[in-house]
């Protein structure tokens, strides 16, 4: 299965990494980045393992989420297609996830 990480998801990873680093937590920043990509790898291996996440956004029909190990308040939000897994966002539980995803658009792979 091919994996497409949307630019918004890449930016989410970078923003969280930079936040940890700005707090002086460089080791945690590195662990987060590695854990985020490990989570993406895990859902690629077993795409339907994530929890279904209803969304009012028709573009995101079939959306699923999976926690990032060691950073359980952060989740990978992804879509499973017949031959492609699209990572849409990496979001913290304290965000208004519904509002973020309601406006989410997908880039062409």
PDB file of N, CA and C in Angstrom:
ATOM      1  N   UNK A   1       0.843  -1.175   0.000  1.00  0.00           N
ATOM      2  CA  UNK A   1       0.000   0.000   0.000  1.00  0.00           C
ATOM      3  C   UNK A   1       0.890   1.239   0.000  1.00  0.00           C
ATOM      4  N   UNK A   2       0.539   2.173  -0.851  1.00  0.00           N
ATOM      5  CA  UNK A   2       1.268   3.433  -0.951  1.00  0.00           C
ATOM      6  C   UNK A   2       0.769   4.389   0.126  1.00  0.00           C
ATOM      7  N   UNK A   3       1.680   5.174   0.693  1.00  0.00           N
ATOM      8  CA  UNK A   3       1.327   6.139   1.736  1.00  0.00           C
ATOM      9  C   UNK A   3       1.534   7.549   1.197  1.00  0.00           C
ATOM     10  N   UNK A   4       0.518   8.397   1.388  1.00  0.00           N
ATOM     11  CA  UNK A   4       0.607   9.808   1.030  1.00  0.00           C
ATOM     12  C   UNK A   4       0.383  10.604   2.308  1.00  0.00           C
ATOM     13  N   UNK A   5       1.380  11.378   2.692  1.00  0.00           N
ATOM     14  CA  UNK A   5       1.260  12.240   3.863  1.00  0.00           C
ATOM     15  C   UNK A   5       0.963  13.645   3.345  1.00  0.00           C
ATOM     16  N   UNK A   6      -0.236  14.121   3.665  1.00  0.00           N
ATOM     17  CA  UNK A   6      -0.635  15.450   3.216  1.00  0.00           C
ATOM     18  C   UNK A   6       0.278  16.514   3.828  1.00  0.00           C
ATOM     19  N   UNK A   7       0.429  17.622   3.130  1.00  0.00           N
ATOM     20  CA  UNK A   7       1.265  18.723   3.608  1.00  0.00           C
ATOM     21  C   UNK A   7       0.818  19.200   4.994  1.00  0.00           C
ATOM     22  N   UNK A   8      -0.491  19.237   5.239  1.00  0.00           N
ATOM     23  CA  UNK A   8      -1.005  19.667   6.545  1.00  0.00           C
ATOM     24  C   UNK A   8      -0.513  18.743   7.654  1.00  0.00           C
ATOM     25  N   UNK A   9      -0.456  17.443   7.395  1.00  0.00           N
ATOM     26  CA  UNK A   9       0.031  16.487   8.395  1.00  0.00           C
ATOM     27  C   UNK A   9       1.527  16.672   8.625  1.00  0.00           C
ATOM     28  N   UNK A  10       2.283  16.893   7.561  1.00  0.00           N
ATOM     29  CA  UNK A  10       3.728  17.164   7.713  1.00  0.00           C
ATOM     30  C   UNK A  10       3.928  18.415   8.558  1.00  0.00           C
ATOM     31  N   UNK A  11       3.104  19.433   8.311  1.00  0.00           N
ATOM     32  CA  UNK A  11       3.204  20.679   9.076  1.00  0.00           C
ATOM     33  C   UNK A  11       2.823  20.453  10.539  1.00  0.00           C
ATOM     34  N   UNK A  12       1.832  19.590  10.775  1.00  0.00           N
ATOM     35  CA  UNK A  12       1.451  19.265  12.151  1.00  0.00           C
ATOM     36  C   UNK A  12       2.627  18.639  12.906  1.00  0.00           C
ATOM     37  N   UNK A  13       3.318  17.704  12.254  1.00  0.00           N
ATOM     38  CA  UNK A  13       4.475  17.060  12.881  1.00  0.00           C
ATOM     39  C   UNK A  13       5.559  18.090  13.161  1.00  0.00           C
ATOM     40  N   UNK A  14       5.847  18.922  12.188  1.00  0.00           N
ATOM     41  CA  UNK A  14       6.882  19.946  12.355  1.00  0.00           C
ATOM     42  C   UNK A  14       6.512  20.929  13.469  1.00  0.00           C
ATOM     43  N   UNK A  15       5.268  21.368  13.517  1.00  0.00           N
ATOM     44  CA  UNK A  15       4.839  22.320  14.542  1.00  0.00           C
ATOM     45  C   UNK A  15       4.961  21.732  15.943  1.00  0.00           C
ATOM     46  N   UNK A  16       4.555  20.472  16.095  1.00  0.00           N
ATOM     47  CA  UNK A  16       4.664  19.834  17.407  1.00  0.00           C
ATOM     48  C   UNK A  16       6.128  19.637  17.786  1.00  0.00           C
ATOM     49  N   UNK A  17       6.953  19.230  16.828  1.00  0.00           N
ATOM     50  CA  UNK A  17       8.389  19.076  17.057  1.00  0.00           C
ATOM     51  C   UNK A  17       8.987  20.406  17.521  1.00  0.00           C
ATOM     52  N   UNK A  18       8.660  21.485  16.824  1.00  0.00           N
ATOM     53  CA  UNK A  18       9.194  22.801  17.168  1.00  0.00           C
ATOM     54  C   UNK A  18       8.708  23.267  18.533  1.00  0.00           C
ATOM     55  N   UNK A  19       7.458  22.936  18.895  1.00  0.00           N
ATOM     56  CA  UNK A  19       6.937  23.327  20.196  1.00  0.00           C
ATOM     57  C   UNK A  19       7.744  22.665  21.307  1.00  0.00           C
ATOM     58  N   UNK A  20       7.953  21.340  21.178  1.00  0.00           N
ATOM     59  CA  UNK A  20       8.762  20.640  22.181  1.00  0.00           C
ATOM     60  C   UNK A  20      10.171  21.239  22.246  1.00  0.00           C
ATOM     61  N   UNK A  21      10.775  21.474  21.102  1.00  0.00           N
ATOM     62  CA  UNK A  21      12.131  22.024  21.063  1.00  0.00           C
ATOM     63  C   UNK A  21      12.190  23.400  21.720  1.00  0.00           C
ATOM     64  N   UNK A  22      11.184  24.233  21.474  1.00  0.00           N
ATOM     65  CA  UNK A  22      11.144  25.577  22.063  1.00  0.00           C
ATOM     66  C   UNK A  22      11.010  25.524  23.582  1.00  0.00           C
ATOM     67  N   UNK A  23      10.448  24.442  24.099  1.00  0.00           N
ATOM     68  CA  UNK A  23      10.327  24.258  25.543  1.00  0.00           C
ATOM     69  C   UNK A  23      11.619  23.691  26.141  1.00  0.00           C
ATOM     70  N   UNK A  24      12.630  23.499  25.289  1.00  0.00           N
ATOM     71  CA  UNK A  24      13.891  22.914  25.743  1.00  0.00           C
ATOM     72  C   UNK A  24      13.852  21.396  25.831  1.00  0.00           C
ATOM     73  N   UNK A  25      12.869  20.796  25.179  1.00  0.00           N
ATOM     74  CA  UNK A  25      12.663  19.350  25.237  1.00  0.00           C
ATOM     75  C   UNK A  25      13.058  18.698  23.909  1.00  0.00           C
ATOM     76  N   UNK A  26      14.289  18.895  23.532  1.00  0.00           N
ATOM     77  CA  UNK A  26      14.755  18.425  22.223  1.00  0.00           C
ATOM     78  C   UNK A  26      14.668  16.909  22.108  1.00  0.00           C
ATOM     79  N   UNK A  27      15.031  16.188  23.171  1.00  0.00           N
ATOM     80  CA  UNK A  27      14.938  14.724  23.116  1.00  0.00           C
ATOM     81  C   UNK A  27      13.494  14.266  22.935  1.00  0.00           C
ATOM     82  N   UNK A  28      12.565  14.935  23.624  1.00  0.00           N
ATOM     83  CA  UNK A  28      11.148  14.593  23.471  1.00  0.00           C
ATOM     84  C   UNK A  28      10.673  14.950  22.070  1.00  0.00           C
ATOM     85  N   UNK A  29      11.152  16.054  21.523  1.00  0.00           N
ATOM     86  CA  UNK A  29      10.802  16.438  20.153  1.00  0.00           C
ATOM     87  C   UNK A  29      11.215  15.340  19.175  1.00  0.00           C
ATOM     88  N   UNK A  30      12.414  14.844  19.350  1.00  0.00           N
ATOM     89  CA  UNK A  30      12.904  13.766  18.465  1.00  0.00           C
ATOM     90  C   UNK A  30      12.091  12.487  18.654  1.00  0.00           C
ATOM     91  N   UNK A  31      11.786  12.161  19.915  1.00  0.00           N
ATOM     92  CA  UNK A  31      10.972  10.970  20.181  1.00  0.00           C
ATOM     93  C   UNK A  31       9.591  11.112  19.564  1.00  0.00           C
ATOM     94  N   UNK A  32       9.004  12.319  19.660  1.00  0.00           N
ATOM     95  CA  UNK A  32       7.694  12.544  19.055  1.00  0.00           C
ATOM     96  C   UNK A  32       7.732  12.310  17.548  1.00  0.00           C
ATOM     97  N   UNK A  33       8.722  12.924  16.889  1.00  0.00           N
ATOM     98  CA  UNK A  33       8.802  12.780  15.430  1.00  0.00           C
ATOM     99  C   UNK A  33       8.923  11.306  15.039  1.00  0.00           C
ATOM    100  N   UNK A  34       9.778  10.578  15.728  1.00  0.00           N
ATOM    101  CA  UNK A  34       9.941   9.150  15.438  1.00  0.00           C
ATOM    102  C   UNK A  34       8.648   8.384  15.717  1.00  0.00           C
ATOM    103  N   UNK A  35       7.989   8.700  16.828  1.00  0.00           N
ATOM    104  CA  UNK A  35       6.743   8.014  17.191  1.00  0.00           C
ATOM    105  C   UNK A  35       5.633   8.312  16.182  1.00  0.00           C
ATOM    106  N   UNK A  36       5.594   9.532  15.669  1.00  0.00           N
ATOM    107  CA  UNK A  36       4.577   9.890  14.668  1.00  0.00           C
ATOM    108  C   UNK A  36       4.759   9.045  13.411  1.00  0.00           C
ATOM    109  N   UNK A  37       5.993   8.926  12.953  1.00  0.00           N
ATOM    110  CA  UNK A  37       6.230   8.123  11.751  1.00  0.00           C
ATOM    111  C   UNK A  37       6.047   6.631  12.024  1.00  0.00           C
ATOM    112  N   UNK A  38       6.341   6.194  13.262  1.00  0.00           N
ATOM    113  CA  UNK A  38       6.067   4.800  13.627  1.00  0.00           C
ATOM    114  C   UNK A  38       4.559   4.527  13.594  1.00  0.00           C
ATOM    115  N   UNK A  39       3.756   5.476  14.059  1.00  0.00           N
ATOM    116  CA  UNK A  39       2.300   5.314  14.037  1.00  0.00           C
ATOM    117  C   UNK A  39       1.793   5.226  12.600  1.00  0.00           C
ATOM    118  N   UNK A  40       2.354   6.051  11.730  1.00  0.00           N
ATOM    119  CA  UNK A  40       1.967   6.000  10.312  1.00  0.00           C
ATOM    120  C   UNK A  40       2.330   4.635   9.730  1.00  0.00           C
ATOM    121  N   UNK A  41       3.494   4.133  10.082  1.00  0.00           N
ATOM    122  CA  UNK A  41       3.925   2.816   9.609  1.00  0.00           C
ATOM    123  C   UNK A  41       2.979   1.726  10.137  1.00  0.00           C
ATOM    124  N   UNK A  42       2.558   1.850  11.388  1.00  0.00           N
ATOM    125  CA  UNK A  42       1.659   0.856  11.983  1.00  0.00           C
ATOM    126  C   UNK A  42       0.317   0.813  11.269  1.00  0.00           C
ATOM    127  N   UNK A  43      -0.254   1.976  10.979  1.00  0.00           N
ATOM    128  CA  UNK A  43      -1.553   1.970  10.299  1.00  0.00           C
ATOM    129  C   UNK A  43      -1.411   1.564   8.837  1.00  0.00           C
ATOM    130  N   UNK A  44      -0.250   1.753   8.268  1.00  0.00           N
ATOM    131  CA  UNK A  44      -0.031   1.284   6.902  1.00  0.00           C
ATOM    132  C   UNK A  44      -0.043  -0.237   6.859  1.00  0.00           C
ATOM    133  N   UNK A  45       0.534  -0.855   7.898  1.00  0.00           N
ATOM    134  CA  UNK A  45       0.580  -2.316   7.963  1.00  0.00           C
ATOM    135  C   UNK A  45      -0.802  -2.911   8.217  1.00  0.00           C
ATOM    136  N   UNK A  46      -1.627  -2.218   9.015  1.00  0.00           N
ATOM    137  CA  UNK A  46      -2.972  -2.695   9.349  1.00  0.00           C
ATOM    138  C   UNK A  46      -3.932  -1.512   9.269  1.00  0.00           C
ATOM    139  N   UNK A  47      -4.315  -1.111   8.058  1.00  0.00           N
ATOM    140  CA  UNK A  47      -5.053   0.136   7.853  1.00  0.00           C
ATOM    141  C   UNK A  47      -6.383   0.261   8.583  1.00  0.00           C
ATOM    142  N   UNK A  48      -7.062  -0.828   8.820  1.00  0.00           N
ATOM    143  CA  UNK A  48      -8.397  -0.735   9.420  1.00  0.00           C
ATOM    144  C   UNK A  48      -8.354  -0.837  10.944  1.00  0.00           C
ATOM    145  N   UNK A  49      -7.155  -0.775  11.525  1.00  0.00           N
ATOM    146  CA  UNK A  49      -6.993  -0.881  12.967  1.00  0.00           C
ATOM    147  C   UNK A  49      -7.482   0.379  13.688  1.00  0.00           C
ATOM    148  N   UNK A  50      -7.430   1.517  13.046  1.00  0.00           N
ATOM    149  CA  UNK A  50      -7.804   2.775  13.687  1.00  0.00           C
ATOM    150  C   UNK A  50      -9.294   2.900  13.929  1.00  0.00           C
ATOM    151  N   UNK A  51      -9.638   3.761  14.879  1.00  0.00           N
ATOM    152  CA  UNK A  51     -11.042   4.014  15.198  1.00  0.00           C
ATOM    153  C   UNK A  51     -11.699   4.860  14.114  1.00  0.00           C
ATOM    154  N   UNK A  52     -12.883   4.469  13.651  1.00  0.00           N
ATOM    155  CA  UNK A  52     -13.616   5.319  12.709  1.00  0.00           C
ATOM    156  C   UNK A  52     -13.936   6.664  13.363  1.00  0.00           C
ATOM    157  N   UNK A  53     -13.788   7.730  12.589  1.00  0.00           N
ATOM    158  CA  UNK A  53     -14.037   9.093  13.084  1.00  0.00           C
ATOM    159  C   UNK A  53     -15.040   9.770  12.178  1.00  0.00           C
ATOM    160  N   UNK A  54     -16.283   9.857  12.601  1.00  0.00           N
ATOM    161  CA  UNK A  54     -17.284  10.525  11.766  1.00  0.00           C
ATOM    162  C   UNK A  54     -16.874  11.983  11.520  1.00  0.00           C
ATOM    163  N   UNK A  55     -17.174  12.456  10.343  1.00  0.00           N
ATOM    164  CA  UNK A  55     -16.859  13.837   9.983  1.00  0.00           C
ATOM    165  C   UNK A  55     -17.984  14.383   9.131  1.00  0.00           C
ATOM    166  N   UNK A  56     -18.295  15.659   9.348  1.00  0.00           N
ATOM    167  CA  UNK A  56     -19.310  16.312   8.513  1.00  0.00           C
ATOM    168  C   UNK A  56     -18.751  16.650   7.138  1.00  0.00           C
ATOM    169  N   UNK A  57     -17.447  16.569   6.999  1.00  0.00           N
ATOM    170  CA  UNK A  57     -16.769  16.890   5.744  1.00  0.00           C
ATOM    171  C   UNK A  57     -16.850  15.672   4.823  1.00  0.00           C
ATOM    172  N   UNK A  58     -17.584  15.761   3.711  1.00  0.00           N
ATOM    173  CA  UNK A  58     -17.732  14.601   2.828  1.00  0.00           C
ATOM    174  C   UNK A  58     -16.408  14.129   2.223  1.00  0.00           C
ATOM    175  N   UNK A  59     -15.432  15.013   2.157  1.00  0.00           N
ATOM    176  CA  UNK A  59     -14.108  14.629   1.647  1.00  0.00           C
ATOM    177  C   UNK A  59     -13.446  13.609   2.560  1.00  0.00           C
ATOM    178  N   UNK A  60     -13.840  13.607   3.820  1.00  0.00           N
ATOM    179  CA  UNK A  60     -13.199  12.747   4.813  1.00  0.00           C
ATOM    180  C   UNK A  60     -14.049  11.535   5.207  1.00  0.00           C
ATOM    181  N   UNK A  61     -14.957  11.140   4.348  1.00  0.00           N
ATOM    182  CA  UNK A  61     -15.751   9.947   4.607  1.00  0.00           C
ATOM    183  C   UNK A  61     -14.817   8.749   4.754  1.00  0.00           C
ATOM    184  N   UNK A  62     -14.988   8.015   5.843  1.00  0.00           N
ATOM    185  CA  UNK A  62     -14.138   6.860   6.113  1.00  0.00           C
ATOM    186  C   UNK A  62     -12.919   7.197   6.963  1.00  0.00           C
ATOM    187  N   UNK A  63     -12.858   8.409   7.495  1.00  0.00           N
ATOM    188  CA  UNK A  63     -11.718   8.836   8.296  1.00  0.00           C
ATOM    189  C   UNK A  63     -11.539   7.937   9.511  1.00  0.00           C
ATOM    190  N   UNK A  64     -10.278   7.676   9.841  1.00  0.00           N
ATOM    191  CA  UNK A  64      -9.914   6.866  11.006  1.00  0.00           C
ATOM    192  C   UNK A  64      -8.833   7.604  11.788  1.00  0.00           C
ATOM    193  N   UNK A  65      -8.683   7.209  13.056  1.00  0.00           N
ATOM    194  CA  UNK A  65      -7.611   7.802  13.866  1.00  0.00           C
ATOM    195  C   UNK A  65      -6.868   6.712  14.628  1.00  0.00           C
ATOM    196  N   UNK A  66      -5.617   7.020  14.923  1.00  0.00           N
ATOM    197  CA  UNK A  66      -4.759   6.095  15.658  1.00  0.00           C
ATOM    198  C   UNK A  66      -3.841   6.918  16.556  1.00  0.00           C
ATOM    199  N   UNK A  67      -3.734   6.549  17.863  1.00  0.00           N
ATOM    200  CA  UNK A  67      -2.883   7.329  18.766  1.00  0.00           C
ATOM    201  C   UNK A  67      -1.399   7.122  18.465  1.00  0.00           C
ATOM    202  N   UNK A  68      -0.644   8.143  18.780  1.00  0.00           N
ATOM    203  CA  UNK A  68       0.808   8.075  18.640  1.00  0.00           C
ATOM    204  C   UNK A  68       1.355   7.562  19.965  1.00  0.00           C
ATOM    205  N   UNK A  69       1.991   6.393  19.945  1.00  0.00           N
ATOM    206  CA  UNK A  69       2.474   5.741  21.160  1.00  0.00           C
ATOM    207  C   UNK A  69       3.421   6.661  21.928  1.00  0.00           C
ATOM    208  N   UNK A  70       3.138   6.809  23.221  1.00  0.00           N
ATOM    209  CA  UNK A  70       3.951   7.665  24.068  1.00  0.00           C
ATOM    210  C   UNK A  70       3.477   9.113  24.069  1.00  0.00           C
ATOM    211  N   UNK A  71       2.587   9.427  23.153  1.00  0.00           N
ATOM    212  CA  UNK A  71       2.023  10.773  23.011  1.00  0.00           C
ATOM    213  C   UNK A  71       0.523  10.598  22.772  1.00  0.00           C
ATOM    214  N   UNK A  72      -0.125   9.952  23.717  1.00  0.00           N
ATOM    215  CA  UNK A  72      -1.484   9.455  23.516  1.00  0.00           C
ATOM    216  C   UNK A  72      -2.541  10.516  23.278  1.00  0.00           C
ATOM    217  N   UNK A  73      -2.233  11.769  23.536  1.00  0.00           N
ATOM    218  CA  UNK A  73      -3.199  12.832  23.226  1.00  0.00           C
ATOM    219  C   UNK A  73      -3.052  13.328  21.786  1.00  0.00           C
ATOM    220  N   UNK A  74      -2.083  12.777  21.079  1.00  0.00           N
ATOM    221  CA  UNK A  74      -1.879  13.119  19.665  1.00  0.00           C
ATOM    222  C   UNK A  74      -2.267  11.921  18.822  1.00  0.00           C
ATOM    223  N   UNK A  75      -2.991  12.189  17.748  1.00  0.00           N
ATOM    224  CA  UNK A  75      -3.500  11.118  16.890  1.00  0.00           C
ATOM    225  C   UNK A  75      -3.201  11.381  15.430  1.00  0.00           C
ATOM    226  N   UNK A  76      -3.009  10.281  14.711  1.00  0.00           N
ATOM    227  CA  UNK A  76      -2.900  10.310  13.257  1.00  0.00           C
ATOM    228  C   UNK A  76      -4.318  10.155  12.712  1.00  0.00           C
ATOM    229  N   UNK A  77      -4.729  11.055  11.835  1.00  0.00           N
ATOM    230  CA  UNK A  77      -6.028  10.978  11.159  1.00  0.00           C
ATOM    231  C   UNK A  77      -5.762  10.609   9.706  1.00  0.00           C
ATOM    232  N   UNK A  78      -6.399   9.544   9.244  1.00  0.00           N
ATOM    233  CA  UNK A  78      -6.062   9.022   7.927  1.00  0.00           C
ATOM    234  C   UNK A  78      -7.268   8.409   7.221  1.00  0.00           C
ATOM    235  N   UNK A  79      -7.113   8.270   5.923  1.00  0.00           N
ATOM    236  CA  UNK A  79      -8.115   7.635   5.061  1.00  0.00           C
ATOM    237  C   UNK A  79      -7.485   6.416   4.400  1.00  0.00           C
ATOM    238  N   UNK A  80      -8.280   5.376   4.252  1.00  0.00           N
ATOM    239  CA  UNK A  80      -7.809   4.153   3.607  1.00  0.00           C
ATOM    240  C   UNK A  80      -8.511   4.015   2.267  1.00  0.00           C
ATOM    241  N   UNK A  81      -7.719   3.954   1.212  1.00  0.00           N
ATOM    242  CA  UNK A  81      -8.250   3.700  -0.124  1.00  0.00           C
ATOM    243  C   UNK A  81      -7.894   2.288  -0.547  1.00  0.00           C
ATOM    244  N   UNK A  82      -8.231   1.944  -1.770  1.00  0.00           N
ATOM    245  CA  UNK A  82      -7.953   0.587  -2.237  1.00  0.00           C
ATOM    246  C   UNK A  82      -6.457   0.298  -2.334  1.00  0.00           C
ATOM    247  N   UNK A  83      -5.668   1.294  -2.674  1.00  0.00           N
ATOM    248  CA  UNK A  83      -4.224   1.076  -2.800  1.00  0.00           C
ATOM    249  C   UNK A  83      -3.381   2.191  -2.189  1.00  0.00           C
ATOM    250  N   UNK A  84      -4.049   3.117  -1.498  1.00  0.00           N
ATOM    251  CA  UNK A  84      -3.320   4.242  -0.902  1.00  0.00           C
ATOM    252  C   UNK A  84      -3.882   4.561   0.480  1.00  0.00           C
ATOM    253  N   UNK A  85      -2.979   4.871   1.395  1.00  0.00           N
ATOM    254  CA  UNK A  85      -3.349   5.355   2.712  1.00  0.00           C
ATOM    255  C   UNK A  85      -2.952   6.824   2.751  1.00  0.00           C
ATOM    256  N   UNK A  86      -3.913   7.699   3.033  1.00  0.00           N
ATOM    257  CA  UNK A  86      -3.660   9.139   3.047  1.00  0.00           C
ATOM    258  C   UNK A  86      -3.680   9.639   4.485  1.00  0.00           C
ATOM    259  N   UNK A  87      -2.538  10.135   4.947  1.00  0.00           N
ATOM    260  CA  UNK A  87      -2.448  10.733   6.269  1.00  0.00           C
ATOM    261  C   UNK A  87      -2.903  12.178   6.115  1.00  0.00           C
ATOM    262  N   UNK A  88      -4.023  12.496   6.753  1.00  0.00           N
ATOM    263  CA  UNK A  88      -4.659  13.798   6.587  1.00  0.00           C
ATOM    264  C   UNK A  88      -4.096  14.818   7.566  1.00  0.00           C
ATOM    265  N   UNK A  89      -4.071  14.470   8.850  1.00  0.00           N
ATOM    266  CA  UNK A  89      -3.597  15.394   9.890  1.00  0.00           C
ATOM    267  C   UNK A  89      -3.009  14.600  11.049  1.00  0.00           C
ATOM    268  N   UNK A  90      -2.239  15.289  11.878  1.00  0.00           N
ATOM    269  CA  UNK A  90      -1.748  14.803  13.162  1.00  0.00           C
ATOM    270  C   UNK A  90      -2.229  15.865  14.160  1.00  0.00           C
ATOM    271  N   UNK A  91      -3.199  15.509  15.017  1.00  0.00           N
ATOM    272  CA  UNK A  91      -3.835  16.522  15.861  1.00  0.00           C
ATOM    273  C   UNK A  91      -3.848  16.121  17.329  1.00  0.00           C
ATOM    274  N   UNK A  92      -3.753  17.131  18.182  1.00  0.00           N
ATOM    275  CA  UNK A  92      -3.829  16.966  19.628  1.00  0.00           C
ATOM    276  C   UNK A  92      -5.292  16.952  20.041  1.00  0.00           C
ATOM    277  N   UNK A  93      -5.617  16.093  21.009  1.00  0.00           N
ATOM    278  CA  UNK A  93      -7.002  15.960  21.471  1.00  0.00           C
ATOM    279  C   UNK A  93      -7.600  17.253  22.009  1.00  0.00           C
ATOM    280  N   UNK A  94      -6.778  18.179  22.455  1.00  0.00           N
ATOM    281  CA  UNK A  94      -7.302  19.424  23.023  1.00  0.00           C
ATOM    282  C   UNK A  94      -7.708  20.443  21.963  1.00  0.00           C
ATOM    283  N   UNK A  95      -7.413  20.168  20.730  1.00  0.00           N
ATOM    284  CA  UNK A  95      -7.848  21.057  19.649  1.00  0.00           C
ATOM    285  C   UNK A  95      -9.307  20.786  19.329  1.00  0.00           C
ATOM    286  N   UNK A  96      -9.942  21.719  18.672  1.00  0.00           N
ATOM    287  CA  UNK A  96     -11.305  21.509  18.195  1.00  0.00           C
ATOM    288  C   UNK A  96     -11.186  20.712  16.897  1.00  0.00           C
ATOM    289  N   UNK A  97     -11.061  19.421  17.051  1.00  0.00           N
ATOM    290  CA  UNK A  97     -10.769  18.539  15.920  1.00  0.00           C
ATOM    291  C   UNK A  97     -11.875  18.598  14.870  1.00  0.00           C
ATOM    292  N   UNK A  98     -13.119  18.610  15.315  1.00  0.00           N
ATOM    293  CA  UNK A  98     -14.234  18.672  14.362  1.00  0.00           C
ATOM    294  C   UNK A  98     -14.130  19.921  13.495  1.00  0.00           C
ATOM    295  N   UNK A  99     -13.822  21.058  14.100  1.00  0.00           N
ATOM    296  CA  UNK A  99     -13.710  22.305  13.332  1.00  0.00           C
ATOM    297  C   UNK A  99     -12.544  22.251  12.357  1.00  0.00           C
ATOM    298  N   UNK A 100     -11.421  21.702  12.794  1.00  0.00           N
ATOM    299  CA  UNK A 100     -10.253  21.588  11.905  1.00  0.00           C
ATOM    300  C   UNK A 100     -10.596  20.706  10.713  1.00  0.00           C
ATOM    301  N   UNK A 101     -11.207  19.567  10.991  1.00  0.00           N
ATOM    302  CA  UNK A 101     -11.486  18.609   9.917  1.00  0.00           C
ATOM    303  C   UNK A 101     -12.645  19.046   9.023  1.00  0.00           C
ATOM    304  N   UNK A 102     -13.577  19.829   9.558  1.00  0.00           N
ATOM    305  CA  UNK A 102     -14.688  20.315   8.731  1.00  0.00           C
ATOM    306  C   UNK A 102     -14.187  21.125   7.546  1.00  0.00           C
ATOM    307  N   UNK A 103     -13.094  21.853   7.736  1.00  0.00           N
ATOM    308  CA  UNK A 103     -12.539  22.706   6.683  1.00  0.00           C
ATOM    309  C   UNK A 103     -11.399  22.051   5.908  1.00  0.00           C
ATOM    310  N   UNK A 104     -11.055  20.816   6.264  1.00  0.00           N
ATOM    311  CA  UNK A 104      -9.892  20.158   5.659  1.00  0.00           C
ATOM    312  C   UNK A 104     -10.161  19.788   4.201  1.00  0.00           C
ATOM    313  N   UNK A 105      -9.209  20.123   3.374  1.00  0.00           N
ATOM    314  CA  UNK A 105      -9.235  19.699   1.983  1.00  0.00           C
ATOM    315  C   UNK A 105      -8.095  18.723   1.761  1.00  0.00           C
ATOM    316  N   UNK A 106      -8.202  17.912   0.725  1.00  0.00           N
ATOM    317  CA  UNK A 106      -7.139  16.972   0.401  1.00  0.00           C
ATOM    318  C   UNK A 106      -6.382  17.446  -0.819  1.00  0.00           C
ATOM    319  N   UNK A 107      -5.074  17.289  -0.750  1.00  0.00           N
ATOM    320  CA  UNK A 107      -4.234  17.599  -1.911  1.00  0.00           C
ATOM    321  C   UNK A 107      -4.226  16.386  -2.822  1.00  0.00           C
ATOM    322  N   UNK A 108      -4.034  16.616  -4.071  1.00  0.00           N
ATOM    323  CA  UNK A 108      -3.887  15.502  -5.011  1.00  0.00           C
ATOM    324  C   UNK A 108      -2.550  14.824  -4.741  1.00  0.00           C
ATOM    325  N   UNK A 109      -2.530  13.484  -4.738  1.00  0.00           N
ATOM    326  CA  UNK A 109      -1.259  12.768  -4.482  1.00  0.00           C
ATOM    327  C   UNK A 109      -0.235  12.986  -5.583  1.00  0.00           C
TER     328      UNK A 109
END
